[in-house]
C-alpha cells in the first residue's frame, strides 16, 4: 500500500509537508507523476508550480531524484525495497479546485499535490493527516483510523477532496436508503430544515431520472466564504462548493445559487463521473484529454441543475424561467454563436475555454450546451408525444455506458438520440451542435409545444441597443467590454476604452441615466481615454437593434393540450 502523510509546521506560511512511503519497490528507476490538470476543469493547470524541495531516500539514506518533465520525477531507487519521497506544497488557493491551509482549517484537493507512483496507481492508497486532535474530517473517503483515510487506488484518492477543521457543521438526509451529508465550513447560519427539505426534493427527482445512484454515500463539502464567490467541482462521491458571502447564505439571491450549484454538482455524479466521454476513460493526467462532447458533459448538466429544482417543486415555474432567461442573456450577449459550434468549443476548452479570449471567437459549452439541451428535451417530447424526452437519453447513457464502465463517443450519443427521437434529429446535430445556425426559431417552436414562447424584448440599455457597445464600471470609470460587429461603435470605439463624458457631461459610473435624458437622434459625443490618451468620438444611432434581449414566457393563448404538455415537462401547473 502506498502511504501519503501530510503535516505542517506553521499554517500561516500555507506550506504543507508531504511524505510518500513506497514499500515493496523492485524498480531501479522509479517514476513519480503529478497531475497537470484536474477533472471538472479541462485545461492544464500545472500544479507542479506549487511544489518545492523534492527529495528521496531509501532506508534512511538519501538517493538521487531529478525532474524529467515539468511534473515528472525520476528516482534512482537502485532496487531498494522501501522508498520515501518528501516535498512541500503551497496551499493557498481558495476555490472549488484548489487547496488551502491556515490556522483554522486544512482544505485539500489531493490532485493538486499528491504524486502517483507510476505502474502502482492501481494499488490501495492511504492518507494520514497530522492535524489537531479535535479536528474533524469531511471527505468521501472512509476514515479507517483517527485522521487516516483509505482509497481504493490513486484515482480514488485524488478524486476525494477533504476539509479538516474544528468548526465543521454537518447534517444528513437520506433518499432511497442512501445517506447524503451536507458539510459546511465557514461563518454562516444555515437554516438546516429548509436546506435538507430542498436538497431531499431535488435528489429524489434526479434519482427518478436514472433509477439508481452510482455510489453508496455522498458528501457536499461547502466552503462558505466571507466574500462574494461562486464555484463548484464534481467528484466521485462528493463535491466542493465555494460560495459567499456567508452572512447572505439564506437570502433569496444567494440561497438560489446554493441550490443551483448543489443540484448541478449532484447530477455530475452520473454525468461525467460515471457517464464519461471515451477520451477520458481512463483519465490521462499528464496532458490534454481532447473531447468534443462538452455539451453533454457540462451543457446537459447545466440544464438539469436548475430543471431538477423546478421539477421537484423547489423552484416555482417563474423562478425557473428567471434562470432560463439569465442563460438566454448570456448566450445572446456576444456574437460567438455565429463563429464556432458548441462541439468545436468543447474541443477548444483545452486552449482557452475558461478565459474570455478574443472577442466573439467561441461559445460557452455551459450556456449553449444548456440551451441546446432544453431544445432537445422539448423536441423529443413533441416528436414522441411525450413518450420520450432527454430523461430517456440520459437513462440510456447511464445503463448502456456509465454502469458498464464504457466511455461514449460523439457518434454513440448522436445515434442514441436518433434511436429515441427518429432520423429527423440529424438536423439538430447538423444545425445546433456541429453548426452555428441561429437557435431562436427552433427554440420558439419547441417552446410552443409546452404553451410558451421566446420573446424578443427591447433592450433598455440605450448604449447597447442603439450604438452597439457594452460597458462595465471599473472603479469610477465605465470601460467598454464588448462591441457589436457592424455597429456604430465598431468604427470609433475599442475594447477597454475608458468613458469620461457624454455630450460634455461627466459619466458617474452609469451611462444609462445620461443617455435617457438626451435626444439621441442627432447622435452623441463621447470623451474617453484610450491608452492614456484623451480622445473624442461621435456616434450616430444605428438603423437596427443591437444586443437584443430574449426571454421565455407562457403564452396567453396556450391550448389545454399545451398546458398538459407543460405539466408533463415541468411537473407544475401551467
Protein backbone atom coordinates (compact mmCIF):
# COMPACT_ATOMS: atom_id res chain seq x y z
CA UNK A 1 0.00 0.00 0.00
CA UNK A 2 1.25 3.47 -0.93
CA UNK A 3 1.08 5.84 2.06
CA UNK A 4 0.80 9.64 1.86
CA UNK A 5 1.46 11.63 5.02
CA UNK A 6 0.61 15.34 5.33
CA UNK A 7 1.77 17.65 8.11
CA UNK A 8 2.73 21.29 8.56
CA UNK A 9 4.85 23.39 10.90
CA UNK A 10 3.32 26.86 10.57
CA UNK A 11 -0.13 27.15 8.97
CA UNK A 12 0.34 30.86 8.30
CA UNK A 13 3.01 30.04 5.71
CA UNK A 14 0.44 27.85 3.88
CA UNK A 15 3.12 25.21 3.25
CA UNK A 16 2.23 21.52 3.64
CA UNK A 17 4.94 18.92 4.20
CA UNK A 18 4.18 15.74 2.26
CA UNK A 19 5.81 12.34 2.62
CA UNK A 20 5.10 9.41 0.29
CA UNK A 21 6.17 6.00 1.58
CA UNK A 22 6.57 3.37 -1.15
CA UNK A 23 7.04 -0.18 0.15
CA UNK A 24 7.82 -3.26 -1.90
CA UNK A 25 9.79 -1.47 -4.60
CA UNK A 26 11.62 -3.59 -7.17
CA UNK A 27 12.47 -0.87 -9.69
CA UNK A 28 15.95 0.50 -10.17
CA UNK A 29 14.44 3.61 -11.74
CA UNK A 30 11.19 4.77 -10.11
CA UNK A 31 9.00 7.43 -11.73
CA UNK A 32 6.62 9.81 -9.95
CA UNK A 33 3.92 11.78 -11.80
CA UNK A 34 2.00 14.81 -10.54
CA UNK A 35 -1.23 15.63 -12.44
CA UNK A 36 -1.12 18.57 -14.84
CA UNK A 37 -4.90 19.18 -14.66
CA UNK A 38 -7.94 18.11 -12.69
CA UNK A 39 -11.28 16.59 -13.75
CA UNK A 40 -14.03 19.19 -13.91
CA UNK A 41 -11.78 21.84 -15.42
CA UNK A 42 -10.43 20.86 -18.78
CA UNK A 43 -7.33 22.99 -19.01
CA UNK A 44 -3.72 22.45 -17.98
CA UNK A 45 -3.07 23.93 -14.55
CA UNK A 46 0.49 22.81 -13.90
CA UNK A 47 0.18 22.05 -10.21
CA UNK A 48 3.93 21.39 -10.03
CA UNK A 49 4.42 25.16 -9.86
CA UNK A 50 3.48 24.94 -6.18
CA UNK A 51 5.86 22.11 -5.21
CA UNK A 52 9.35 22.57 -3.87
CA UNK A 53 12.15 20.67 -2.16
CA UNK A 54 11.60 17.20 -3.63
CA UNK A 55 13.98 14.66 -2.04
CA UNK A 56 14.16 10.88 -1.90
CA UNK A 57 15.68 8.33 0.44
CA UNK A 58 15.98 4.55 0.71
CA UNK A 59 16.20 3.02 4.15
CA UNK A 60 17.01 6.45 5.57
CA UNK A 61 19.84 7.17 3.10
CA UNK A 62 19.44 9.94 0.51
CA UNK A 63 19.21 8.80 -3.11
CA UNK A 64 19.20 10.87 -6.33
CA UNK A 65 15.92 12.31 -7.65
CA UNK A 66 15.55 14.66 -10.60
CA UNK A 67 12.88 16.13 -12.82
CA UNK A 68 12.48 14.70 -16.30
CA UNK A 69 9.46 16.78 -17.35
CA UNK A 70 7.64 19.73 -15.78
CA UNK A 71 5.73 17.39 -13.45
CA UNK A 72 7.50 14.00 -13.58
CA UNK A 73 10.40 12.89 -11.42
CA UNK A 74 12.90 10.06 -11.75
CA UNK A 75 14.13 8.43 -8.53
CA UNK A 76 17.35 6.40 -8.72
CA UNK A 77 15.98 3.69 -6.43
CA UNK A 78 18.56 1.05 -7.27
CA UNK A 79 16.08 -1.70 -6.42
CA UNK A 80 15.83 -0.64 -2.76
CA UNK A 81 12.68 -2.10 -1.19
CA UNK A 82 11.45 0.91 0.80
CA UNK A 83 11.49 4.38 -0.72
CA UNK A 84 10.47 7.65 0.89
CA UNK A 85 9.70 10.87 -1.03
CA UNK A 86 9.48 14.25 0.69
CA UNK A 87 8.45 17.68 -0.62
CA UNK A 88 6.47 20.78 0.28
CA UNK A 89 3.31 22.17 -1.32
CA UNK A 90 1.94 25.72 -1.15
CA UNK A 91 -1.76 25.51 -0.27
CA UNK A 92 -3.24 28.95 -0.78
CA UNK A 93 -5.91 28.71 -3.48
CA UNK A 94 -9.46 29.02 -2.17
CA UNK A 95 -11.79 27.86 -4.91
CA UNK A 96 -13.59 24.64 -5.81
CA UNK A 97 -10.47 23.06 -7.26
CA UNK A 98 -7.68 24.37 -5.05
CA UNK A 99 -6.18 23.71 -1.62
CA UNK A 100 -5.90 25.94 1.43
CA UNK A 101 -4.14 25.84 4.79
CA UNK A 102 -4.49 28.30 7.66
CA UNK A 103 -4.74 28.13 11.44
CA UNK A 104 -8.44 27.20 11.27
CA UNK A 105 -8.60 24.52 8.58
CA UNK A 106 -6.93 22.32 6.00
CA UNK A 107 -8.81 22.14 2.70
CA UNK A 108 -7.17 19.73 0.28
CA UNK A 109 -7.68 18.63 -3.29
CA UNK A 110 -5.24 15.76 -3.48
CA UNK A 111 -4.93 16.08 -7.24
CA UNK A 112 -3.09 19.38 -6.66
CA UNK A 113 -0.24 17.85 -4.70
CA UNK A 114 -0.19 14.05 -4.34
CA UNK A 115 2.14 12.25 -6.74
CA UNK A 116 1.30 8.98 -8.44
CA UNK A 117 3.85 6.18 -8.34
CA UNK A 118 3.96 5.03 -11.95
CA UNK A 119 2.78 1.45 -12.54
CA UNK A 120 1.39 1.32 -8.99
CA UNK A 121 -1.53 3.76 -9.26
CA UNK A 122 -3.93 0.78 -9.15
CA UNK A 123 -2.84 -0.14 -5.61
CA UNK A 124 -4.71 0.94 -2.45
CA UNK A 125 -3.57 4.31 -1.10
CA UNK A 126 -3.57 5.62 2.46
CA UNK A 127 -3.68 9.28 3.50
CA UNK A 128 -2.60 10.24 7.02
CA UNK A 129 -3.16 13.78 8.30
CA UNK A 130 -1.11 15.23 11.15
CA UNK A 131 -3.73 17.73 12.30
CA UNK A 132 -5.01 18.84 15.73
CA UNK A 133 -6.73 16.07 17.67
CA UNK A 134 -10.05 17.90 17.89
CA UNK A 135 -10.33 18.48 14.13
CA UNK A 136 -12.96 16.57 12.18
CA UNK A 137 -12.55 15.46 8.54
CA UNK A 138 -15.22 15.92 5.86
CA UNK A 139 -14.40 13.63 2.94
CA UNK A 140 -15.88 10.95 0.70
CA UNK A 141 -13.12 8.51 1.72
CA UNK A 142 -13.65 6.22 4.72
CA UNK A 143 -11.71 7.10 7.87
CA UNK A 144 -10.15 3.77 8.93
CA UNK A 145 -8.35 5.27 11.93
CA UNK A 146 -8.41 8.71 13.51
CA UNK A 147 -7.30 11.15 10.80
CA UNK A 148 -6.37 8.30 8.43
CA UNK A 149 -8.25 7.85 5.14
CA UNK A 150 -8.27 4.89 2.78
CA UNK A 151 -8.65 4.94 -1.03
CA UNK A 152 -9.07 2.04 -3.44
CA UNK A 153 -6.43 3.42 -5.81
CA UNK A 154 -4.68 6.64 -6.81
CA UNK A 155 -7.59 7.98 -8.89
CA UNK A 156 -9.93 7.41 -5.95
CA UNK A 157 -7.50 9.21 -3.65
CA UNK A 158 -7.09 12.36 -5.74
CA UNK A 159 -10.80 12.47 -6.63
CA UNK A 160 -11.75 12.73 -2.94
CA UNK A 161 -11.17 16.26 -1.58
CA UNK A 162 -11.34 16.94 2.14
CA UNK A 163 -11.93 19.70 4.66
CA UNK A 164 -10.46 19.27 8.15
CA UNK A 165 -11.22 21.68 10.98
CA UNK A 166 -12.69 22.01 14.45
CA UNK A 167 -15.64 24.10 13.25
CA UNK A 168 -17.31 21.92 10.62
CA UNK A 169 -21.11 21.77 10.67
CA UNK A 170 -22.87 18.68 9.32
CA UNK A 171 -26.39 17.46 8.63
CA UNK A 172 -27.52 14.32 6.80
CA UNK A 173 -30.61 13.43 4.80
CA UNK A 174 -31.46 10.01 3.36
CA UNK A 175 -33.02 9.24 -0.02
CA UNK A 176 -33.61 5.65 -1.19
CA UNK A 177 -31.52 4.43 1.74
CA UNK A 178 -28.50 6.48 0.63
CA UNK A 179 -27.01 8.99 3.11
CA UNK A 180 -26.26 12.45 1.75
CA UNK A 181 -24.04 14.51 4.06
CA UNK A 182 -24.01 18.32 3.91
CA UNK A 183 -20.82 19.74 5.44
CA UNK A 184 -20.35 23.47 5.99
CA UNK A 185 -17.08 25.18 6.83
CA UNK A 186 -17.30 28.91 7.41
CA UNK A 187 -19.14 31.63 9.26
CA UNK A 188 -22.86 31.42 8.41
CA UNK A 189 -26.19 30.49 9.95
CA UNK A 190 -27.76 27.77 7.78
CA UNK A 191 -31.48 27.04 8.02
CA UNK A 192 -30.92 23.30 8.18
CA UNK A 193 -34.56 22.25 7.99
CA UNK A 194 -35.12 24.24 4.81
CA UNK A 195 -31.84 23.11 3.29
CA UNK A 196 -32.48 19.43 3.98
CA UNK A 197 -36.06 19.64 2.68
CA UNK A 198 -34.97 21.27 -0.59
CA UNK A 199 -31.93 19.03 -1.10
CA UNK A 200 -34.00 15.92 -0.48
CA UNK A 201 -36.54 17.08 -3.08
CA UNK A 202 -34.07 17.62 -5.94
CA UNK A 203 -32.14 14.48 -5.01
CA UNK A 204 -35.30 12.37 -5.33
CA UNK A 205 -36.01 13.92 -8.72
CA UNK A 206 -32.52 13.14 -10.00
CA UNK A 207 -32.74 9.55 -8.78
CA UNK A 208 -36.02 9.25 -10.69
CA UNK A 209 -34.24 10.18 -13.92
CA UNK A 210 -31.57 7.47 -13.61
CA UNK A 211 -33.26 4.86 -11.39
CA UNK A 212 -30.35 4.31 -9.01
CA UNK A 213 -27.25 6.01 -7.61
CA UNK A 214 -23.65 5.20 -8.61
CA UNK A 215 -22.14 5.37 -5.08
CA UNK A 216 -23.03 4.31 -1.55
CA UNK A 217 -22.96 7.78 0.03
CA UNK A 218 -22.44 11.40 -0.98
CA UNK A 219 -20.78 14.44 0.58
CA UNK A 220 -21.42 18.13 -0.15
CA UNK A 221 -18.26 19.91 1.06
CA UNK A 222 -19.16 23.59 1.36
CA UNK A 223 -16.60 26.33 1.93
CA UNK A 224 -18.79 29.29 2.87
CA UNK A 225 -16.61 32.37 2.49
CA UNK A 226 -16.82 35.92 3.94
CA UNK A 227 -16.68 37.48 0.46
CA UNK A 228 -18.61 37.08 -2.79
CA UNK A 229 -17.69 33.87 -4.56
CA UNK A 230 -19.24 31.07 -6.62
CA UNK A 231 -17.60 27.83 -7.75
CA UNK A 232 -18.33 24.12 -7.65
CA UNK A 233 -16.42 20.98 -8.70
CA UNK A 234 -17.69 17.41 -9.02
CA UNK A 235 -16.02 14.30 -7.61
CA UNK A 236 -16.71 10.59 -7.46
CA UNK A 237 -18.96 10.74 -4.37
CA UNK A 238 -18.65 14.36 -3.32
CA UNK A 239 -18.48 17.95 -4.46
CA UNK A 240 -16.63 21.01 -3.25
CA UNK A 241 -18.66 24.23 -3.39
CA UNK A 242 -17.12 27.61 -2.56
CA UNK A 243 -19.76 30.27 -2.02
CA UNK A 244 -20.14 33.61 -0.29
CA UNK A 245 -20.62 35.89 1.48
CA UNK A 246 -21.68 33.67 4.37
CA UNK A 247 -23.96 36.20 6.07
CA UNK A 248 -26.15 36.16 2.93
CA UNK A 249 -26.37 32.39 2.55
CA UNK A 250 -30.08 32.13 3.34
CA UNK A 251 -31.11 35.29 1.47
CA UNK A 252 -33.12 34.60 -1.72
CA UNK A 253 -30.37 35.54 -4.19
CA UNK A 254 -27.50 33.55 -2.66
CA UNK A 255 -29.65 30.63 -1.49
CA UNK A 256 -30.85 30.24 -5.09
CA UNK A 257 -27.19 29.97 -6.17
CA UNK A 258 -26.50 27.49 -3.36
CA UNK A 259 -29.34 25.27 -4.55
CA UNK A 260 -28.40 25.62 -8.22
CA UNK A 261 -24.74 24.69 -7.86
CA UNK A 262 -25.57 21.82 -5.46
CA UNK A 263 -28.11 20.32 -7.88
CA UNK A 264 -25.70 20.77 -10.79
CA UNK A 265 -22.84 19.03 -8.99
CA UNK A 266 -25.03 16.15 -7.79
CA UNK A 267 -26.11 15.49 -11.40
CA UNK A 268 -22.43 15.16 -12.30
CA UNK A 269 -22.28 12.06 -10.08
CA UNK A 270 -23.86 10.28 -13.03
CA UNK A 271 -23.00 12.57 -15.94
CA UNK A 272 -19.17 12.80 -16.19
CA UNK A 273 -18.08 10.86 -13.13
CA UNK A 274 -19.70 7.68 -14.50
CA UNK A 275 -21.17 8.57 -17.91
CA UNK A 276 -17.85 9.66 -19.32
CA UNK A 277 -16.55 10.56 -22.79
CA UNK A 278 -14.45 7.75 -24.22
CA UNK A 279 -11.49 10.12 -24.49
CA UNK A 280 -11.40 10.34 -20.68
CA UNK A 281 -11.78 6.70 -19.73
CA UNK A 282 -9.39 6.48 -18.05
CA UNK A 283 -8.19 9.99 -17.30
CA UNK A 284 -4.70 10.85 -18.51
CA UNK A 285 -3.44 13.42 -16.03
CA UNK A 286 -0.19 14.07 -17.90
CA UNK A 287 -1.72 16.19 -20.67
CA UNK A 288 -4.80 17.27 -22.59
CA UNK A 289 -7.72 14.83 -22.96
CA UNK A 290 -9.40 16.34 -26.02
CA UNK A 291 -13.13 15.67 -26.45
CA UNK A 292 -15.98 17.25 -28.44
CA UNK A 293 -18.90 16.33 -26.17
CA UNK A 294 -18.63 19.06 -23.56
CA UNK A 295 -22.20 19.99 -24.50
CA UNK A 296 -23.20 16.62 -22.99
CA UNK A 297 -20.85 16.61 -20.01
CA UNK A 298 -21.40 20.22 -18.94
CA UNK A 299 -24.23 21.59 -21.08
CA UNK A 300 -26.78 18.92 -20.22
CA UNK A 301 -25.71 19.05 -16.57
CA UNK A 302 -26.20 22.84 -16.55
CA UNK A 303 -29.70 22.38 -17.98
CA UNK A 304 -30.65 19.70 -15.47
CA UNK A 305 -29.20 21.56 -12.48
CA UNK A 306 -31.98 24.18 -12.48
CA UNK A 307 -34.53 21.99 -14.28
CA UNK A 308 -34.45 19.48 -11.40
CA UNK A 309 -35.15 22.30 -8.95
CA UNK A 310 -38.29 23.20 -10.91
CA UNK A 311 -39.43 19.60 -11.42
CA UNK A 312 -39.04 18.89 -7.72
CA UNK A 313 -41.02 21.99 -6.72
CA UNK A 314 -38.05 23.69 -5.06
CA UNK A 315 -38.30 26.44 -7.72
CA UNK A 316 -41.59 27.83 -8.96
CA UNK A 317 -42.04 27.99 -12.72
CA UNK A 318 -41.43 31.75 -12.53
CA UNK A 319 -38.16 31.24 -10.65
CA UNK A 320 -37.07 28.63 -13.17
CA UNK A 321 -37.87 30.93 -16.08
CA UNK A 322 -35.76 33.62 -14.42
CA UNK A 323 -32.80 31.23 -14.56
CA UNK A 324 -33.53 30.32 -18.18
CA UNK A 325 -33.74 34.00 -19.07
CA UNK A 326 -30.36 34.65 -17.47
CA UNK A 327 -28.93 31.87 -19.63
CA UNK A 328 -30.50 33.46 -22.70
CA UNK A 329 -28.99 36.85 -21.90
CA UNK A 330 -25.55 35.34 -21.53
CA UNK A 331 -25.92 33.45 -24.80
CA UNK A 332 -27.03 36.48 -26.82
CA UNK A 333 -24.53 38.84 -25.15
CA UNK A 334 -21.86 38.19 -27.77
CA UNK A 335 -21.62 37.08 -31.37
CA UNK A 336 -19.51 33.97 -30.91
CA UNK A 337 -22.63 31.91 -31.63
CA UNK A 338 -22.11 32.73 -35.33
CA UNK A 339 -18.45 31.71 -35.39
CA UNK A 340 -17.86 28.43 -33.57
CA UNK A 341 -20.03 25.41 -32.88
CA UNK A 342 -20.55 24.09 -29.38
CA UNK A 343 -18.78 20.85 -30.36
CA UNK A 344 -15.71 22.75 -31.60
CA UNK A 345 -15.82 24.91 -28.48
CA UNK A 346 -15.74 21.70 -26.43
CA UNK A 347 -12.52 20.68 -28.15
CA UNK A 348 -11.05 24.13 -27.54
CA UNK A 349 -11.67 24.01 -23.79
CA UNK A 350 -8.03 22.97 -23.51
CA UNK A 351 -6.96 26.09 -25.39
CA UNK A 352 -8.91 28.93 -23.80
CA UNK A 353 -12.28 27.58 -22.73
CA UNK A 354 -12.19 29.17 -19.27
CA UNK A 355 -10.83 32.55 -20.33
CA UNK A 356 -12.64 35.45 -22.02
CA UNK A 357 -10.38 35.05 -25.04
CA UNK A 358 -10.55 37.28 -28.08
CA UNK A 359 -13.95 38.82 -28.86
CA UNK A 360 -16.64 36.60 -30.36
CA UNK A 361 -14.45 33.54 -31.01
CA UNK A 362 -16.07 30.71 -29.05
CA UNK A 363 -19.32 29.84 -27.30
CA UNK A 364 -19.69 28.55 -23.76
CA UNK A 365 -20.35 24.81 -23.59
CA UNK A 366 -22.24 25.51 -20.37
CA UNK A 367 -24.54 28.18 -21.83
CA UNK A 368 -25.12 26.95 -25.39
CA UNK A 369 -24.95 23.39 -24.10
CA UNK A 370 -27.81 24.14 -21.70
CA UNK A 371 -29.93 25.84 -24.39
CA UNK A 372 -29.42 23.00 -26.87
CA UNK A 373 -30.30 20.53 -24.09
CA UNK A 374 -33.56 22.42 -23.43
CA UNK A 375 -34.24 22.43 -27.17
CA UNK A 376 -33.57 18.69 -27.47
CA UNK A 377 -35.72 17.85 -24.45
CA UNK A 378 -38.73 19.71 -25.84
CA UNK A 379 -38.21 18.46 -29.39
CA UNK A 380 -38.05 14.85 -28.18
CA UNK A 381 -41.25 15.31 -26.19
CA UNK A 382 -43.00 16.77 -29.24
CA UNK A 383 -41.66 14.14 -31.68
CA UNK A 384 -42.73 11.23 -29.45
CA UNK A 385 -45.94 12.64 -27.99
CA UNK A 386 -44.29 12.74 -24.53
CA UNK A 387 -43.33 9.07 -24.67
CA UNK A 388 -39.64 10.05 -24.57
CA UNK A 389 -37.56 13.03 -23.50
CA UNK A 390 -34.00 13.92 -22.63
CA UNK A 391 -34.56 11.81 -19.50
CA UNK A 392 -34.79 8.79 -21.82
CA UNK A 393 -31.47 9.63 -23.43
CA UNK A 394 -29.76 10.12 -20.07
CA UNK A 395 -31.16 6.86 -18.71
CA UNK A 396 -29.78 5.01 -21.78
CA UNK A 397 -26.40 6.68 -21.36
CA UNK A 398 -26.36 5.52 -17.76
CA UNK A 399 -27.49 1.97 -18.46
CA UNK A 400 -25.50 1.38 -21.67
CA UNK A 401 -22.29 3.25 -20.86
CA UNK A 402 -21.98 4.59 -17.29
CA UNK A 403 -23.00 1.43 -15.45
CA UNK A 404 -20.88 -0.75 -17.71
CA UNK A 405 -17.77 1.42 -17.42
CA UNK A 406 -17.74 2.13 -21.16
CA UNK A 407 -16.90 5.59 -22.47
CA UNK A 408 -19.29 7.03 -25.06
CA UNK A 409 -18.21 8.65 -28.32
CA UNK A 410 -19.67 11.61 -30.14
CA UNK A 411 -21.25 9.17 -32.58
CA UNK A 412 -22.64 6.99 -29.78
CA UNK A 413 -24.51 9.99 -28.40
CA UNK A 414 -25.84 11.06 -31.82
CA UNK A 415 -27.09 7.56 -32.65
CA UNK A 416 -28.75 7.25 -29.25
CA UNK A 417 -30.70 10.48 -29.79
CA UNK A 418 -31.72 9.28 -33.26
CA UNK A 419 -32.85 5.95 -31.82
CA UNK A 420 -35.02 7.73 -29.26
CA UNK A 421 -36.37 10.55 -31.44
CA UNK A 422 -36.03 9.48 -35.06
CA UNK A 423 -33.78 10.19 -38.03
CA UNK A 424 -35.02 13.79 -38.29
CA UNK A 425 -32.84 14.64 -35.27
CA UNK A 426 -29.82 14.56 -37.55
CA UNK A 427 -30.89 18.12 -38.37
CA UNK A 428 -30.48 19.04 -34.68
CA UNK A 429 -26.84 17.92 -34.69
CA UNK A 430 -26.04 19.47 -38.07
CA UNK A 431 -27.54 22.84 -37.19
CA UNK A 432 -27.07 23.35 -33.45
CA UNK A 433 -24.29 21.04 -32.24
CA UNK A 434 -21.84 20.85 -35.13
CA UNK A 435 -23.10 24.01 -36.81
CA UNK A 436 -23.73 27.64 -35.92
CA UNK A 437 -27.31 28.05 -37.11
CA UNK A 438 -29.43 30.57 -35.14
CA UNK A 439 -31.38 28.79 -32.43
CA UNK A 440 -34.21 31.32 -31.99
CA UNK A 441 -36.79 29.93 -34.43
CA UNK A 442 -36.30 26.30 -33.41
CA UNK A 443 -36.41 27.15 -29.70
CA UNK A 444 -39.60 29.20 -30.10
CA UNK A 445 -41.23 26.32 -31.99
CA UNK A 446 -40.16 23.81 -29.32
CA UNK A 447 -41.42 26.06 -26.50
CA UNK A 448 -44.79 26.32 -28.24
CA UNK A 449 -45.31 22.60 -27.52
CA UNK A 450 -45.46 23.43 -23.79
CA UNK A 451 -47.52 26.61 -24.24
CA UNK A 452 -44.56 29.01 -24.06
CA UNK A 453 -42.77 31.37 -26.41
CA UNK A 454 -39.41 33.03 -26.94
CA UNK A 455 -39.91 36.78 -26.66
CA UNK A 456 -37.62 39.37 -28.21
CA UNK A 457 -37.64 42.33 -25.85
CA UNK A 458 -36.44 45.88 -26.28
CA UNK A 459 -33.09 46.35 -24.60
CA UNK A 460 -33.47 49.13 -22.05
CA UNK A 461 -29.76 49.95 -22.16
CA UNK A 462 -29.53 52.59 -24.86
CA UNK A 463 -25.78 52.31 -25.47
CA UNK A 464 -26.25 48.62 -26.21
CA UNK A 465 -29.45 48.86 -28.24
CA UNK A 466 -28.72 51.94 -30.39
CA UNK A 467 -24.95 52.19 -30.55
CA UNK A 468 -23.82 48.58 -30.08
CA UNK A 469 -21.38 48.62 -27.18
CA UNK A 470 -21.33 47.24 -23.65
CA UNK A 471 -19.70 48.77 -20.59
CA UNK A 472 -18.79 47.74 -17.08
CA UNK A 473 -17.92 50.03 -14.20
CA UNK A 474 -14.24 49.74 -13.28
CA UNK A 475 -13.85 51.74 -10.03
CA UNK A 476 -15.44 55.07 -11.03
CA UNK A 477 -14.89 54.81 -14.78
CA UNK A 478 -17.04 52.79 -17.22
CA UNK A 479 -14.95 50.68 -19.60
CA UNK A 480 -16.01 49.28 -22.96
CA UNK A 481 -16.18 45.49 -22.69
CA UNK A 482 -17.82 44.40 -25.95
CA UNK A 483 -18.67 45.89 -29.33
CA UNK A 484 -21.24 44.51 -31.76
CA UNK A 485 -19.86 43.87 -35.26
CA UNK A 486 -21.02 46.40 -37.86
CA UNK A 487 -22.47 48.67 -35.19
CA UNK A 488 -21.88 52.45 -34.92
CA UNK A 489 -19.49 51.73 -32.04
CA UNK A 490 -17.42 49.30 -34.12
CA UNK A 491 -15.83 52.12 -36.16
CA UNK A 492 -14.93 54.51 -33.33
CA UNK A 493 -14.60 52.53 -30.06
CA UNK A 494 -12.11 49.94 -28.85
CA UNK A 495 -12.19 47.38 -26.06
CA UNK A 496 -11.16 48.90 -22.70
CA UNK A 497 -11.81 52.49 -23.74
CA UNK A 498 -12.42 54.46 -20.51
CA UNK A 499 -15.51 56.64 -20.93
CA UNK A 500 -15.25 60.04 -19.27
CA UNK A 501 -18.14 62.15 -20.57
CA UNK A 502 -21.08 62.13 -22.97
CA UNK A 503 -22.01 65.39 -24.70
CA UNK A 504 -19.72 67.18 -22.26
CA UNK A 505 -21.42 65.69 -19.18
CA UNK A 506 -19.24 63.65 -16.82
CA UNK A 507 -20.23 59.98 -16.55
CA UNK A 508 -20.64 58.85 -12.94
CA UNK A 509 -20.26 55.06 -13.33
CA UNK A 510 -23.66 54.61 -15.02
CA UNK A 511 -24.11 55.79 -18.60
CA UNK A 512 -27.80 54.91 -18.92
CA UNK A 513 -29.39 57.82 -16.97
CA UNK A 514 -27.46 60.37 -19.00
CA UNK A 515 -28.45 58.84 -22.33
CA UNK A 516 -32.08 58.54 -21.24
CA UNK A 517 -32.17 62.30 -20.68
CA UNK A 518 -30.80 63.18 -24.11
CA UNK A 519 -32.20 63.49 -27.63
CA UNK A 520 -30.16 60.74 -29.27
CA UNK A 521 -31.41 61.21 -32.82
CA UNK A 522 -28.56 63.59 -33.58
CA UNK A 523 -26.01 61.20 -32.11
CA UNK A 524 -23.68 61.59 -29.14
CA UNK A 525 -20.16 62.77 -28.50
CA UNK A 526 -18.09 60.57 -26.17
CA UNK A 527 -14.98 61.74 -24.37
CA UNK A 528 -12.69 58.87 -23.45
CA UNK A 529 -9.21 57.73 -22.58
CA UNK A 530 -7.56 55.17 -24.88
CA UNK A 531 -4.06 54.06 -23.96
CA UNK A 532 -3.86 57.04 -21.58
CA UNK A 533 -4.61 59.48 -24.39
CA UNK A 534 -7.71 61.71 -24.34
CA UNK A 535 -10.00 61.37 -27.35
CA UNK A 536 -13.41 62.49 -28.55
CA UNK A 537 -15.58 60.44 -30.91
CA UNK A 538 -19.08 60.82 -32.36
CA UNK A 539 -21.65 58.04 -32.67
CA UNK A 540 -24.88 58.09 -34.68
CA UNK A 541 -27.61 55.62 -33.64
CA UNK A 542 -27.80 52.55 -35.84
CA UNK A 543 -30.62 51.53 -38.13
CA UNK A 544 -31.07 48.20 -36.36
CA UNK A 545 -31.25 46.91 -32.80
CA UNK A 546 -28.04 45.62 -31.25
CA UNK A 547 -27.85 43.19 -28.32
CA UNK A 548 -31.49 42.12 -28.44
CA UNK A 549 -32.72 40.63 -25.18
CA UNK A 550 -34.76 37.43 -25.13
CA UNK A 551 -36.93 35.80 -22.51
CA UNK A 552 -39.15 32.75 -22.17
CA UNK A 553 -42.76 33.28 -21.11
CA UNK A 554 -46.06 31.42 -21.02
CA UNK A 555 -48.44 32.16 -23.90
CA UNK A 556 -51.83 33.53 -23.01
CA UNK A 557 -53.39 31.57 -25.87
CA UNK A 558 -51.91 28.20 -24.83
CA UNK A 559 -54.27 25.30 -25.53
CA UNK A 560 -55.33 22.73 -22.96
CA UNK A 561 -53.10 20.16 -24.67
CA UNK A 562 -50.11 22.51 -24.47
CA UNK A 563 -50.82 23.17 -20.80
CA UNK A 564 -50.83 19.43 -20.20
CA UNK A 565 -47.51 19.13 -22.04
CA UNK A 566 -46.16 21.88 -19.77
CA UNK A 567 -47.21 19.90 -16.71
CA UNK A 568 -45.56 16.74 -18.03
CA UNK A 569 -42.35 18.69 -18.70
CA UNK A 570 -42.11 20.76 -15.51
CA UNK A 571 -44.39 18.81 -13.12
CA UNK A 572 -46.14 22.09 -12.33
CA UNK A 573 -49.50 23.55 -13.31
CA UNK A 574 -49.41 25.95 -16.23
